[in-house]
Full PDB file with SEQRES, HELIX, SHEET, SSBOND, CRYST1, ORIGX, SCALE, CONECT and MASTER records, all heavy atoms in Angstrom:
SEQRES   1 A   31  LEU ARG ILE GLU ASN LEU ARG PHE SER TYR ASN GLY ILE          
SEQRES   2 A   31  VAL GLU VAL LEU LYS GLY ILE ASP LEU ILE LEU ASP CYS          
SEQRES   3 A   31  GLY VAL GLY CYS ILE                                          
SHEET    1 AA1 2 ARG A   2  TYR A  10  0                                        
SHEET    2 AA1 2 VAL A  14  ILE A  23 -1                                        
CRYST1    1.000    1.000    1.000  90.00  90.00  90.00 P 1           1          
ORIGX1      1.000000  0.000000  0.000000        0.00000                         
ORIGX2      0.000000  1.000000  0.000000        0.00000                         
ORIGX3      0.000000  0.000000  1.000000        0.00000                         
SCALE1      1.000000  0.000000  0.000000        0.00000                         
SCALE2      0.000000  1.000000  0.000000        0.00000                         
SCALE3      0.000000  0.000000  1.000000        0.00000                         
ATOM      1  N   LEU A   1      -4.623  39.990 -17.804  1.00  0.00           N  
ATOM      2  CA  LEU A   1      -4.652  39.589 -19.174  1.00  0.00           C  
ATOM      3  C   LEU A   1      -5.990  40.139 -19.753  1.00  0.00           C  
ATOM      4  O   LEU A   1      -6.996  39.707 -19.306  1.00  0.00           O  
ATOM      5  CB  LEU A   1      -4.523  38.106 -19.300  1.00  0.00           C  
ATOM      6  CG  LEU A   1      -4.673  37.527 -20.768  1.00  0.00           C  
ATOM      7  CD1 LEU A   1      -3.431  37.970 -21.658  1.00  0.00           C  
ATOM      8  CD2 LEU A   1      -4.758  36.034 -20.679  1.00  0.00           C  
ATOM      9  N   ARG A   2      -5.811  40.917 -20.877  1.00  0.00           N  
ATOM     10  CA  ARG A   2      -7.035  41.464 -21.453  1.00  0.00           C  
ATOM     11  C   ARG A   2      -7.010  41.175 -22.944  1.00  0.00           C  
ATOM     12  O   ARG A   2      -6.062  41.626 -23.643  1.00  0.00           O  
ATOM     13  CB  ARG A   2      -7.190  42.970 -21.166  1.00  0.00           C  
ATOM     14  CG  ARG A   2      -8.552  43.398 -21.723  1.00  0.00           C  
ATOM     15  CD  ARG A   2      -8.824  44.892 -21.221  1.00  0.00           C  
ATOM     16  NE  ARG A   2      -8.085  45.883 -22.116  1.00  0.00           N  
ATOM     17  CZ  ARG A   2      -7.171  46.575 -21.631  1.00  0.00           C  
ATOM     18  NH1 ARG A   2      -6.511  46.368 -20.562  1.00  0.00           N  
ATOM     19  NH2 ARG A   2      -6.657  47.475 -22.539  1.00  0.00           N  
ATOM     20  N   ILE A   3      -8.012  40.583 -23.590  1.00  0.00           N  
ATOM     21  CA  ILE A   3      -7.979  40.329 -24.962  1.00  0.00           C  
ATOM     22  C   ILE A   3      -9.292  41.119 -25.533  1.00  0.00           C  
ATOM     23  O   ILE A   3     -10.343  41.077 -24.973  1.00  0.00           O  
ATOM     24  CB  ILE A   3      -8.190  38.816 -25.256  1.00  0.00           C  
ATOM     25  CG1 ILE A   3      -6.814  38.156 -24.740  1.00  0.00           C  
ATOM     26  CG2 ILE A   3      -8.362  38.610 -26.829  1.00  0.00           C  
ATOM     27  CD1 ILE A   3      -6.902  36.643 -24.884  1.00  0.00           C  
ATOM     28  N   GLU A   4      -8.989  41.777 -26.596  1.00  0.00           N  
ATOM     29  CA  GLU A   4     -10.119  42.617 -27.243  1.00  0.00           C  
ATOM     30  C   GLU A   4     -10.244  42.206 -28.629  1.00  0.00           C  
ATOM     31  O   GLU A   4      -9.396  42.318 -29.475  1.00  0.00           O  
ATOM     32  CB  GLU A   4      -9.773  44.006 -27.149  1.00  0.00           C  
ATOM     33  CG  GLU A   4      -9.632  44.583 -25.711  1.00  0.00           C  
ATOM     34  CD  GLU A   4      -9.087  46.082 -25.658  1.00  0.00           C  
ATOM     35  OE1 GLU A   4      -8.858  46.574 -26.708  1.00  0.00           O  
ATOM     36  OE2 GLU A   4      -9.134  46.636 -24.448  1.00  0.00           O  
ATOM     37  N   ASN A   5     -11.499  41.744 -29.093  1.00  0.00           N  
ATOM     38  CA  ASN A   5     -11.894  41.511 -30.424  1.00  0.00           C  
ATOM     39  C   ASN A   5     -11.003  40.798 -31.171  1.00  0.00           C  
ATOM     40  O   ASN A   5     -10.548  41.091 -32.391  1.00  0.00           O  
ATOM     41  CB  ASN A   5     -12.207  42.826 -30.991  1.00  0.00           C  
ATOM     42  CG  ASN A   5     -13.025  42.653 -32.367  1.00  0.00           C  
ATOM     43  OD1 ASN A   5     -13.778  41.729 -32.538  1.00  0.00           O  
ATOM     44  ND2 ASN A   5     -12.834  43.590 -33.293  1.00  0.00           N  
ATOM     45  N   LEU A   6     -10.443  39.665 -30.648  1.00  0.00           N  
ATOM     46  CA  LEU A   6      -9.331  38.829 -31.347  1.00  0.00           C  
ATOM     47  C   LEU A   6      -9.916  38.000 -32.423  1.00  0.00           C  
ATOM     48  O   LEU A   6     -10.887  37.269 -32.183  1.00  0.00           O  
ATOM     49  CB  LEU A   6      -8.607  38.044 -30.272  1.00  0.00           C  
ATOM     50  CG  LEU A   6      -7.288  37.413 -30.619  1.00  0.00           C  
ATOM     51  CD1 LEU A   6      -6.285  38.531 -30.875  1.00  0.00           C  
ATOM     52  CD2 LEU A   6      -6.805  36.386 -29.750  1.00  0.00           C  
ATOM     53  N   ARG A   7      -9.281  38.160 -33.551  1.00  0.00           N  
ATOM     54  CA  ARG A   7      -9.788  37.387 -34.748  1.00  0.00           C  
ATOM     55  C   ARG A   7      -8.525  36.672 -35.356  1.00  0.00           C  
ATOM     56  O   ARG A   7      -7.529  37.338 -35.516  1.00  0.00           O  
ATOM     57  CB  ARG A   7     -10.472  38.271 -35.739  1.00  0.00           C  
ATOM     58  CG  ARG A   7     -11.828  38.781 -35.208  1.00  0.00           C  
ATOM     59  CD  ARG A   7     -12.527  39.580 -36.299  1.00  0.00           C  
ATOM     60  NE  ARG A   7     -13.832  39.962 -35.676  1.00  0.00           N  
ATOM     61  CZ  ARG A   7     -15.066  39.321 -35.733  1.00  0.00           C  
ATOM     62  NH1 ARG A   7     -14.920  38.085 -36.337  1.00  0.00           N  
ATOM     63  NH2 ARG A   7     -16.180  39.828 -35.166  1.00  0.00           N  
ATOM     64  N   PHE A   8      -8.717  35.560 -35.853  1.00  0.00           N  
ATOM     65  CA  PHE A   8      -7.680  34.758 -36.483  1.00  0.00           C  
ATOM     66  C   PHE A   8      -8.248  33.839 -37.499  1.00  0.00           C  
ATOM     67  O   PHE A   8      -9.228  33.275 -37.282  1.00  0.00           O  
ATOM     68  CB  PHE A   8      -6.780  33.998 -35.512  1.00  0.00           C  
ATOM     69  CG  PHE A   8      -5.693  33.284 -36.188  1.00  0.00           C  
ATOM     70  CD1 PHE A   8      -4.437  33.850 -36.443  1.00  0.00           C  
ATOM     71  CD2 PHE A   8      -5.853  31.900 -36.708  1.00  0.00           C  
ATOM     72  CE1 PHE A   8      -3.469  33.145 -37.141  1.00  0.00           C  
ATOM     73  CE2 PHE A   8      -4.838  31.235 -37.202  1.00  0.00           C  
ATOM     74  CZ  PHE A   8      -3.630  31.800 -37.506  1.00  0.00           C  
ATOM     75  N   SER A   9      -7.605  33.749 -38.676  1.00  0.00           N  
ATOM     76  CA  SER A   9      -8.087  32.728 -39.731  1.00  0.00           C  
ATOM     77  C   SER A   9      -6.772  32.167 -40.375  1.00  0.00           C  
ATOM     78  O   SER A   9      -5.736  32.745 -40.457  1.00  0.00           O  
ATOM     79  CB  SER A   9      -8.911  33.437 -40.753  1.00  0.00           C  
ATOM     80  OG  SER A   9      -8.148  34.464 -41.410  1.00  0.00           O  
ATOM     81  N   TYR A  10      -6.971  30.892 -40.705  1.00  0.00           N  
ATOM     82  CA  TYR A  10      -5.862  30.199 -41.340  1.00  0.00           C  
ATOM     83  C   TYR A  10      -5.920  30.389 -42.862  1.00  0.00           C  
ATOM     84  O   TYR A  10      -6.957  30.170 -43.482  1.00  0.00           O  
ATOM     85  CB  TYR A  10      -5.909  28.603 -40.985  1.00  0.00           C  
ATOM     86  CG  TYR A  10      -5.487  28.338 -39.588  1.00  0.00           C  
ATOM     87  CD1 TYR A  10      -6.427  28.045 -38.644  1.00  0.00           C  
ATOM     88  CD2 TYR A  10      -4.131  28.270 -39.295  1.00  0.00           C  
ATOM     89  CE1 TYR A  10      -6.113  27.782 -37.357  1.00  0.00           C  
ATOM     90  CE2 TYR A  10      -3.808  28.053 -37.939  1.00  0.00           C  
ATOM     91  CZ  TYR A  10      -4.737  27.768 -37.082  1.00  0.00           C  
ATOM     92  OH  TYR A  10      -4.345  27.507 -35.730  1.00  0.00           O  
ATOM     93  N   ASN A  11      -4.884  30.902 -43.483  1.00  0.00           N  
ATOM     94  CA  ASN A  11      -4.852  31.094 -44.941  1.00  0.00           C  
ATOM     95  C   ASN A  11      -5.846  32.226 -45.321  1.00  0.00           C  
ATOM     96  O   ASN A  11      -6.203  32.294 -46.541  1.00  0.00           O  
ATOM     97  CB  ASN A  11      -5.104  29.901 -45.739  1.00  0.00           C  
ATOM     98  CG  ASN A  11      -4.093  28.810 -45.492  1.00  0.00           C  
ATOM     99  OD1 ASN A  11      -2.820  29.063 -45.393  1.00  0.00           O  
ATOM    100  ND2 ASN A  11      -4.447  27.556 -45.378  1.00  0.00           N  
ATOM    101  N   GLY A  12      -6.285  32.913 -44.358  1.00  0.00           N  
ATOM    102  CA  GLY A  12      -7.290  34.058 -44.600  1.00  0.00           C  
ATOM    103  C   GLY A  12      -8.608  33.598 -45.083  1.00  0.00           C  
ATOM    104  O   GLY A  12      -9.360  34.408 -45.658  1.00  0.00           O  
ATOM    105  N   ILE A  13      -8.876  32.350 -44.883  1.00  0.00           N  
ATOM    106  CA  ILE A  13     -10.164  31.694 -45.405  1.00  0.00           C  
ATOM    107  C   ILE A  13     -11.214  31.345 -44.279  1.00  0.00           C  
ATOM    108  O   ILE A  13     -12.275  31.921 -44.135  1.00  0.00           O  
ATOM    109  CB  ILE A  13      -9.882  30.529 -46.368  1.00  0.00           C  
ATOM    110  CG1 ILE A  13      -8.980  30.836 -47.486  1.00  0.00           C  
ATOM    111  CG2 ILE A  13     -11.209  29.922 -46.855  1.00  0.00           C  
ATOM    112  CD1 ILE A  13      -8.565  29.765 -48.297  1.00  0.00           C  
ATOM    113  N   VAL A  14     -10.648  30.394 -43.491  1.00  0.00           N  
ATOM    114  CA  VAL A  14     -11.519  29.879 -42.411  1.00  0.00           C  
ATOM    115  C   VAL A  14     -11.225  30.703 -41.098  1.00  0.00           C  
ATOM    116  O   VAL A  14     -10.186  30.526 -40.572  1.00  0.00           O  
ATOM    117  CB  VAL A  14     -11.324  28.372 -42.203  1.00  0.00           C  
ATOM    118  CG1 VAL A  14     -12.295  27.913 -41.041  1.00  0.00           C  
ATOM    119  CG2 VAL A  14     -11.575  27.670 -43.412  1.00  0.00           C  
ATOM    120  N   GLU A  15     -12.259  31.399 -40.662  1.00  0.00           N  
ATOM    121  CA  GLU A  15     -12.110  32.118 -39.418  1.00  0.00           C  
ATOM    122  C   GLU A  15     -12.236  31.204 -38.226  1.00  0.00           C  
ATOM    123  O   GLU A  15     -13.251  30.619 -38.068  1.00  0.00           O  
ATOM    124  CB  GLU A  15     -13.048  33.336 -39.343  1.00  0.00           C  
ATOM    125  CG  GLU A  15     -12.770  34.306 -38.184  1.00  0.00           C  
ATOM    126  CD  GLU A  15     -13.501  35.554 -38.308  1.00  0.00           C  
ATOM    127  OE1 GLU A  15     -14.756  35.516 -38.411  1.00  0.00           O  
ATOM    128  OE2 GLU A  15     -13.013  36.669 -38.036  1.00  0.00           O  
ATOM    129  N   VAL A  16     -11.098  31.137 -37.456  1.00  0.00           N  
ATOM    130  CA  VAL A  16     -11.202  30.248 -36.185  1.00  0.00           C  
ATOM    131  C   VAL A  16     -11.512  31.038 -35.018  1.00  0.00           C  
ATOM    132  O   VAL A  16     -12.196  30.430 -34.076  1.00  0.00           O  
ATOM    133  CB  VAL A  16      -9.839  29.577 -36.112  1.00  0.00           C  
ATOM    134  CG1 VAL A  16      -9.794  28.579 -34.859  1.00  0.00           C  
ATOM    135  CG2 VAL A  16      -9.480  28.777 -37.438  1.00  0.00           C  
ATOM    136  N   LEU A  17     -10.943  32.274 -34.852  1.00  0.00           N  
ATOM    137  CA  LEU A  17     -11.407  33.032 -33.695  1.00  0.00           C  
ATOM    138  C   LEU A  17     -12.215  34.220 -34.205  1.00  0.00           C  
ATOM    139  O   LEU A  17     -11.822  34.951 -35.136  1.00  0.00           O  
ATOM    140  CB  LEU A  17     -10.058  33.598 -33.020  1.00  0.00           C  
ATOM    141  CG  LEU A  17      -8.960  32.631 -32.532  1.00  0.00           C  
ATOM    142  CD1 LEU A  17      -7.776  33.280 -31.847  1.00  0.00           C  
ATOM    143  CD2 LEU A  17      -9.641  31.584 -31.546  1.00  0.00           C  
ATOM    144  N   LYS A  18     -13.391  34.308 -33.540  1.00  0.00           N  
ATOM    145  CA  LYS A  18     -14.399  35.194 -34.226  1.00  0.00           C  
ATOM    146  C   LYS A  18     -14.745  36.331 -33.170  1.00  0.00           C  
ATOM    147  O   LYS A  18     -15.787  36.446 -32.707  1.00  0.00           O  
ATOM    148  CB  LYS A  18     -15.632  34.370 -34.441  1.00  0.00           C  
ATOM    149  CG  LYS A  18     -15.344  33.228 -35.336  1.00  0.00           C  
ATOM    150  CD  LYS A  18     -16.484  32.284 -35.599  1.00  0.00           C  
ATOM    151  CE  LYS A  18     -16.197  31.074 -36.460  1.00  0.00           C  
ATOM    152  NZ  LYS A  18     -17.193  30.114 -36.663  1.00  0.00           N  
ATOM    153  N   GLY A  19     -13.825  37.117 -32.858  1.00  0.00           N  
ATOM    154  CA  GLY A  19     -13.965  38.215 -31.996  1.00  0.00           C  
ATOM    155  C   GLY A  19     -13.956  37.908 -30.567  1.00  0.00           C  
ATOM    156  O   GLY A  19     -14.985  38.128 -29.805  1.00  0.00           O  
ATOM    157  N   ILE A  20     -12.878  37.317 -30.125  1.00  0.00           N  
ATOM    158  CA  ILE A  20     -12.731  36.980 -28.673  1.00  0.00           C  
ATOM    159  C   ILE A  20     -12.480  38.107 -27.733  1.00  0.00           C  
ATOM    160  O   ILE A  20     -11.540  39.038 -28.004  1.00  0.00           O  
ATOM    161  CB  ILE A  20     -11.536  35.950 -28.483  1.00  0.00           C  
ATOM    162  CG1 ILE A  20     -11.766  34.691 -29.279  1.00  0.00           C  
ATOM    163  CG2 ILE A  20     -11.291  35.682 -26.960  1.00  0.00           C  
ATOM    164  CD1 ILE A  20     -12.811  33.738 -28.726  1.00  0.00           C  
ATOM    165  N   ASP A  21     -13.301  38.226 -26.749  1.00  0.00           N  
ATOM    166  CA  ASP A  21     -13.094  39.307 -25.635  1.00  0.00           C  
ATOM    167  C   ASP A  21     -12.858  38.442 -24.387  1.00  0.00           C  
ATOM    168  O   ASP A  21     -13.739  37.592 -24.031  1.00  0.00           O  
ATOM    169  CB  ASP A  21     -14.320  40.230 -25.568  1.00  0.00           C  
ATOM    170  CG  ASP A  21     -14.438  41.130 -26.700  1.00  0.00           C  
ATOM    171  OD1 ASP A  21     -13.380  41.793 -27.044  1.00  0.00           O  
ATOM    172  OD2 ASP A  21     -15.551  41.117 -27.255  1.00  0.00           O  
ATOM    173  N   LEU A  22     -11.895  38.784 -23.592  1.00  0.00           N  
ATOM    174  CA  LEU A  22     -11.457  38.006 -22.441  1.00  0.00           C  
ATOM    175  C   LEU A  22     -10.726  38.771 -21.445  1.00  0.00           C  
ATOM    176  O   LEU A  22      -9.848  39.598 -21.774  1.00  0.00           O  
ATOM    177  CB  LEU A  22     -10.704  36.704 -22.863  1.00  0.00           C  
ATOM    178  CG  LEU A  22     -10.267  35.631 -21.859  1.00  0.00           C  
ATOM    179  CD1 LEU A  22     -10.062  34.349 -22.682  1.00  0.00           C  
ATOM    180  CD2 LEU A  22      -8.917  36.187 -21.231  1.00  0.00           C  
ATOM    181  N   ILE A  23     -11.075  38.692 -20.196  1.00  0.00           N  
ATOM    182  CA  ILE A  23     -10.329  39.353 -19.123  1.00  0.00           C  
ATOM    183  C   ILE A  23     -10.057  38.308 -17.956  1.00  0.00           C  
ATOM    184  O   ILE A  23     -10.961  37.735 -17.508  1.00  0.00           O  
ATOM    185  CB  ILE A  23     -11.057  40.524 -18.538  1.00  0.00           C  
ATOM    186  CG1 ILE A  23     -11.258  41.635 -19.576  1.00  0.00           C  
ATOM    187  CG2 ILE A  23     -10.386  41.075 -17.257  1.00  0.00           C  
ATOM    188  CD1 ILE A  23     -12.042  42.823 -19.083  1.00  0.00           C  
ATOM    189  N   LEU A  24      -8.770  38.226 -17.608  1.00  0.00           N  
ATOM    190  CA  LEU A  24      -8.365  37.385 -16.492  1.00  0.00           C  
ATOM    191  C   LEU A  24      -7.642  38.389 -15.582  1.00  0.00           C  
ATOM    192  O   LEU A  24      -6.517  38.832 -15.867  1.00  0.00           O  
ATOM    193  CB  LEU A  24      -7.482  36.248 -16.964  1.00  0.00           C  
ATOM    194  CG  LEU A  24      -6.865  35.371 -15.862  1.00  0.00           C  
ATOM    195  CD1 LEU A  24      -8.109  34.657 -15.159  1.00  0.00           C  
ATOM    196  CD2 LEU A  24      -5.998  34.244 -16.434  1.00  0.00           C  
ATOM    197  N   ASP A  25      -8.185  38.567 -14.312  1.00  0.00           N  
ATOM    198  CA  ASP A  25      -7.524  39.442 -13.439  1.00  0.00           C  
ATOM    199  C   ASP A  25      -6.380  38.931 -12.714  1.00  0.00           C  
ATOM    200  O   ASP A  25      -5.342  39.506 -12.420  1.00  0.00           O  
ATOM    201  CB  ASP A  25      -8.506  40.013 -12.443  1.00  0.00           C  
ATOM    202  CG  ASP A  25      -9.562  40.939 -13.007  1.00  0.00           C  
ATOM    203  OD1 ASP A  25      -9.188  41.745 -13.852  1.00  0.00           O  
ATOM    204  OD2 ASP A  25     -10.757  40.845 -12.710  1.00  0.00           O  
ATOM    205  N   CYS A  26      -6.455  37.704 -12.330  1.00  0.00           N  
ATOM    206  CA  CYS A  26      -5.363  36.972 -11.485  1.00  0.00           C  
ATOM    207  C   CYS A  26      -5.720  35.509 -11.414  1.00  0.00           C  
ATOM    208  O   CYS A  26      -6.834  35.086 -11.895  1.00  0.00           O  
ATOM    209  CB  CYS A  26      -5.417  37.571 -10.069  1.00  0.00           C  
ATOM    210  SG  CYS A  26      -6.793  37.429  -9.102  1.00  0.00           S  
ATOM    211  N   GLY A  27      -4.771  34.787 -10.909  1.00  0.00           N  
ATOM    212  CA  GLY A  27      -4.953  33.305 -10.743  1.00  0.00           C  
ATOM    213  C   GLY A  27      -4.828  32.423 -11.968  1.00  0.00           C  
ATOM    214  O   GLY A  27      -4.185  32.742 -12.916  1.00  0.00           O  
ATOM    215  N   VAL A  28      -5.663  31.370 -11.932  1.00  0.00           N  
ATOM    216  CA  VAL A  28      -5.601  30.404 -13.062  1.00  0.00           C  
ATOM    217  C   VAL A  28      -6.907  30.452 -13.835  1.00  0.00           C  
ATOM    218  O   VAL A  28      -8.065  30.307 -13.258  1.00  0.00           O  
ATOM    219  CB  VAL A  28      -5.418  28.976 -12.529  1.00  0.00           C  
ATOM    220  CG1 VAL A  28      -5.456  27.992 -13.649  1.00  0.00           C  
ATOM    221  CG2 VAL A  28      -4.101  28.897 -11.701  1.00  0.00           C  
ATOM    222  N   GLY A  29      -6.823  30.662 -15.092  1.00  0.00           N  
ATOM    223  CA  GLY A  29      -7.969  30.721 -16.000  1.00  0.00           C  
ATOM    224  C   GLY A  29      -7.931  29.561 -16.949  1.00  0.00           C  
ATOM    225  O   GLY A  29      -6.898  29.049 -17.303  1.00  0.00           O  
ATOM    226  N   CYS A  30      -9.122  29.093 -17.168  1.00  0.00           N  
ATOM    227  CA  CYS A  30      -9.208  27.846 -18.054  1.00  0.00           C  
ATOM    228  C   CYS A  30     -10.136  28.169 -19.225  1.00  0.00           C  
ATOM    229  O   CYS A  30     -11.256  28.611 -19.156  1.00  0.00           O  
ATOM    230  CB  CYS A  30      -9.766  26.636 -17.334  1.00  0.00           C  
ATOM    231  SG  CYS A  30     -10.027  25.204 -18.264  1.00  0.00           S  
ATOM    232  N   ILE A  31      -9.634  27.721 -20.358  1.00  0.00           N  
ATOM    233  CA  ILE A  31     -10.474  27.700 -21.678  1.00  0.00           C  
ATOM    234  C   ILE A  31     -11.077  26.265 -21.717  1.00  0.00           C  
ATOM    235  O   ILE A  31     -10.357  25.293 -21.992  1.00  0.00           O  
ATOM    236  CB  ILE A  31      -9.782  27.995 -22.871  1.00  0.00           C  
ATOM    237  CG1 ILE A  31      -8.815  29.217 -22.723  1.00  0.00           C  
ATOM    238  CG2 ILE A  31     -10.615  28.118 -23.998  1.00  0.00           C  
ATOM    239  CD1 ILE A  31      -9.578  30.487 -22.548  1.00  0.00           C  
TER     240      ILE A  31                                                      
MASTER        0    0    0    0    2    0    0    6  239    1    0    3          
END                                                                             
């Protein structure tokens, strides 16, 4: 699982995800 520069905002106003980069090669990952 690979995530690159992920950004998300509700209603285009409040940015909730601010450039998430994440790599999970295998197994169980926890946020």
